[in-house]
Amino acid sequence: MASGFVSEVELEESRAKRQEEWDKVRKAEDPTEAPEEPYDPRSLFERLEEQRQKKQMDWEEEHKFKNQFRGLDDDEVEFLDRIDDIRTEAERQRIVEERKELEEYQRQQEVLKEQERQERLQHEIKGPEIRRSNSTNNQIGGGAKGGGGGGVKSKQQKLLL
């Protein structure tokens, strides 16, 4: 087993190696000699323990957000399902009501169109009856009056149609 002591020769070699590395990366404003490594009087166990704790803290910080959320329990799931069912039912009712209103509106439109058709038909039917009755009146009345005014009225009625 090797002892924990470091010889002076090994220290000089490590300083020379560190100085070479320092010269490679040194900037103009940096000192010419490499700075000495700070001496840490703690034991290796203490230093390794500190590193392990730092890693553990970093890992916990990284996963902290994940740990804030937990799964839903059965009561919460049932509650959310009921709320979802209520919303779905309300949406379905709204859609049904809209369809009913739309169908009612369409029926009213059809009734109005049918009424307009019936009125036009009756107007067309009444129109010739008026003409016939006027023309028969003109013929009957025209003979008695002399026939002058009856012809103008029938021409005006024909123009209107």
Protein backbone atom coordinates (compact mmCIF):
# COMPACT_ATOMS: atom_id res chain seq x y z
CA MET A 1 0.00 0.00 0.00
CA ALA A 2 1.29 3.44 -0.89
CA SER A 3 1.59 6.07 1.78
CA GLY A 4 -0.48 9.28 1.69
CA PHE A 5 2.65 11.45 1.49
CA VAL A 6 3.73 13.33 -1.65
CA SER A 7 7.42 13.84 -2.34
CA GLU A 8 8.96 17.18 -3.23
CA VAL A 9 9.84 15.89 -6.71
CA GLU A 10 6.21 15.01 -7.42
CA LEU A 11 5.13 18.45 -6.22
CA GLU A 12 7.66 20.13 -8.54
CA GLU A 13 6.49 18.04 -11.49
CA SER A 14 2.86 18.90 -10.87
CA ARG A 15 3.75 22.63 -10.52
CA ALA A 16 5.69 22.56 -13.81
CA LYS A 17 2.84 20.81 -15.58
CA ARG A 18 0.32 23.29 -14.17
CA GLN A 19 2.59 26.20 -15.27
CA GLU A 20 2.69 24.82 -18.85
CA GLU A 21 -1.10 24.54 -18.96
CA TRP A 22 -1.37 28.04 -17.49
CA ASP A 23 0.91 29.47 -20.17
CA LYS A 24 -1.32 27.94 -22.88
CA VAL A 25 -4.52 29.53 -21.60
CA ARG A 26 -3.11 32.66 -19.95
CA LYS A 27 -4.39 36.06 -21.11
CA ALA A 28 -2.32 39.24 -21.26
CA GLU A 29 -3.84 40.66 -18.07
CA ASP A 30 -3.35 37.38 -16.09
CA PRO A 31 -0.23 36.93 -13.92
CA THR A 32 2.73 35.07 -15.44
CA GLU A 33 2.86 32.43 -12.73
CA ALA A 34 0.03 29.94 -12.33
CA PRO A 35 -2.03 30.49 -9.22
CA GLU A 36 -1.61 27.86 -6.55
CA GLU A 37 -4.47 25.48 -5.99
CA PRO A 38 -6.24 26.37 -2.79
CA TYR A 39 -5.46 23.99 0.03
CA ASP A 40 -8.49 22.16 1.40
CA PRO A 41 -7.73 20.73 4.85
CA ARG A 42 -10.87 18.53 4.82
CA SER A 43 -10.60 14.80 4.39
CA LEU A 44 -11.44 13.12 1.10
CA PHE A 45 -14.63 11.71 2.62
CA GLU A 46 -15.84 15.20 3.58
CA ARG A 47 -15.14 16.58 0.09
CA LEU A 48 -16.87 13.64 -1.63
CA GLU A 49 -19.81 13.92 0.74
CA GLU A 50 -20.18 17.62 -0.14
CA GLN A 51 -20.14 16.81 -3.87
CA ARG A 52 -22.75 14.09 -3.37
CA GLN A 53 -25.00 16.49 -1.44
CA LYS A 54 -24.66 19.13 -4.18
CA LYS A 55 -25.63 16.59 -6.83
CA GLN A 56 -28.59 15.46 -4.72
CA MET A 57 -29.77 19.05 -4.24
CA ASP A 58 -29.44 19.74 -7.97
CA TRP A 59 -31.41 16.61 -8.81
CA GLU A 60 -34.14 17.51 -6.29
CA GLU A 61 -34.36 21.04 -7.68
CA GLU A 62 -34.63 19.65 -11.19
CA HIS A 63 -37.42 17.24 -10.23
CA LYS A 64 -39.15 19.50 -7.72
CA PHE A 65 -41.77 20.63 -10.24
CA LYS A 66 -42.65 17.04 -11.07
CA ASN A 67 -43.24 16.26 -7.40
CA GLN A 68 -45.73 19.07 -6.95
CA PHE A 69 -48.41 17.16 -8.83
CA ARG A 70 -50.08 14.08 -7.53
CA GLY A 71 -52.60 11.74 -9.07
CA LEU A 72 -56.32 12.20 -8.61
CA ASP A 73 -58.07 10.00 -6.10
CA ASP A 74 -61.35 8.19 -6.85
CA ASP A 75 -63.59 10.87 -5.31
CA GLU A 76 -62.00 13.59 -7.39
CA VAL A 77 -62.32 11.50 -10.54
CA GLU A 78 -66.02 10.85 -9.86
CA PHE A 79 -66.63 14.54 -9.19
CA LEU A 80 -64.92 15.58 -12.41
CA ASP A 81 -66.85 12.91 -14.34
CA ARG A 82 -70.14 14.23 -12.95
CA ILE A 83 -69.22 17.79 -13.92
CA ASP A 84 -68.30 16.60 -17.40
CA ASP A 85 -71.61 14.72 -17.69
CA ILE A 86 -73.56 17.81 -16.58
CA ARG A 87 -71.78 19.99 -19.13
CA THR A 88 -72.34 17.40 -21.86
CA GLU A 89 -76.04 17.17 -21.01
CA ALA A 90 -76.39 20.97 -20.98
CA GLU A 91 -74.73 21.17 -24.39
CA ARG A 92 -77.00 18.44 -25.74
CA GLN A 93 -80.09 20.26 -24.39
CA ARG A 94 -78.92 23.49 -26.02
CA ILE A 95 -78.49 21.73 -29.36
CA VAL A 96 -81.94 20.10 -29.08
CA GLU A 97 -83.56 23.46 -28.26
CA GLU A 98 -81.81 25.13 -31.18
CA ARG A 99 -83.05 22.41 -33.52
CA LYS A 100 -86.60 22.76 -32.21
CA GLU A 101 -86.52 26.53 -32.66
CA LEU A 102 -85.07 26.16 -36.14
CA GLU A 103 -87.74 23.61 -37.13
CA GLU A 104 -90.47 25.87 -35.72
CA TYR A 105 -89.07 28.81 -37.67
CA GLN A 106 -88.98 26.74 -40.86
CA ARG A 107 -92.59 25.61 -40.29
CA GLN A 108 -93.67 29.22 -39.81
CA GLN A 109 -91.89 30.18 -43.01
CA GLU A 110 -93.65 27.37 -44.88
CA VAL A 111 -97.02 28.45 -43.46
CA LEU A 112 -96.37 32.05 -44.53
CA LYS A 113 -95.38 30.94 -48.03
CA GLU A 114 -98.46 28.77 -48.28
CA GLN A 115 -100.65 31.68 -47.15
CA GLU A 116 -99.05 33.93 -49.77
CA ARG A 117 -99.70 31.29 -52.45
CA GLN A 118 -103.30 30.94 -51.34
CA GLU A 119 -103.78 34.72 -51.41
CA ARG A 120 -102.27 34.94 -54.90
CA LEU A 121 -104.49 32.10 -56.08
CA GLN A 122 -107.58 33.73 -54.62
CA HIS A 123 -106.55 37.07 -56.09
CA GLU A 124 -106.11 35.48 -59.50
CA ILE A 125 -109.42 33.71 -59.16
CA LYS A 126 -111.21 36.88 -58.01
CA GLY A 127 -109.56 38.97 -60.71
CA PRO A 128 -111.30 37.19 -63.64
CA GLU A 129 -114.60 37.11 -61.71
CA ILE A 130 -114.46 40.87 -61.34
CA ARG A 131 -113.68 41.22 -65.01
CA ARG A 132 -116.49 38.90 -65.95
CA SER A 133 -118.93 40.61 -63.70
CA ASN A 134 -117.81 44.03 -64.98
CA SER A 135 -117.96 42.92 -68.57
CA THR A 136 -121.41 41.42 -68.08
CA ASN A 137 -122.49 44.58 -66.30
CA ASN A 138 -121.04 46.66 -69.10
CA GLN A 139 -122.80 44.62 -71.66
CA ILE A 140 -126.05 44.81 -69.76
CA GLY A 141 -125.53 48.38 -68.67
CA GLY A 142 -123.94 49.38 -71.95
CA GLY A 143 -127.06 48.67 -73.87
CA ALA A 144 -129.11 50.81 -71.55
CA LYS A 145 -126.63 53.68 -71.28
CA GLY A 146 -125.62 53.73 -74.84
CA GLY A 147 -122.43 51.67 -74.54
CA GLY A 148 -119.93 54.55 -74.33
CA GLY A 149 -118.41 54.16 -70.83
CA GLY A 150 -118.30 50.36 -70.53
CA GLY A 151 -115.54 49.82 -73.07
CA VAL A 152 -113.02 52.05 -71.25
CA LYS A 153 -113.43 50.24 -67.95
CA SER A 154 -112.86 46.82 -69.44
CA LYS A 155 -109.71 48.08 -71.23
CA GLN A 156 -108.36 49.42 -67.93
CA GLN A 157 -109.00 46.11 -66.19
CA LYS A 158 -107.26 44.22 -68.98
CA LEU A 159 -104.23 46.50 -68.66
CA LEU A 160 -104.06 45.85 -64.92
CA LEU A 161 -104.00 42.12 -65.40
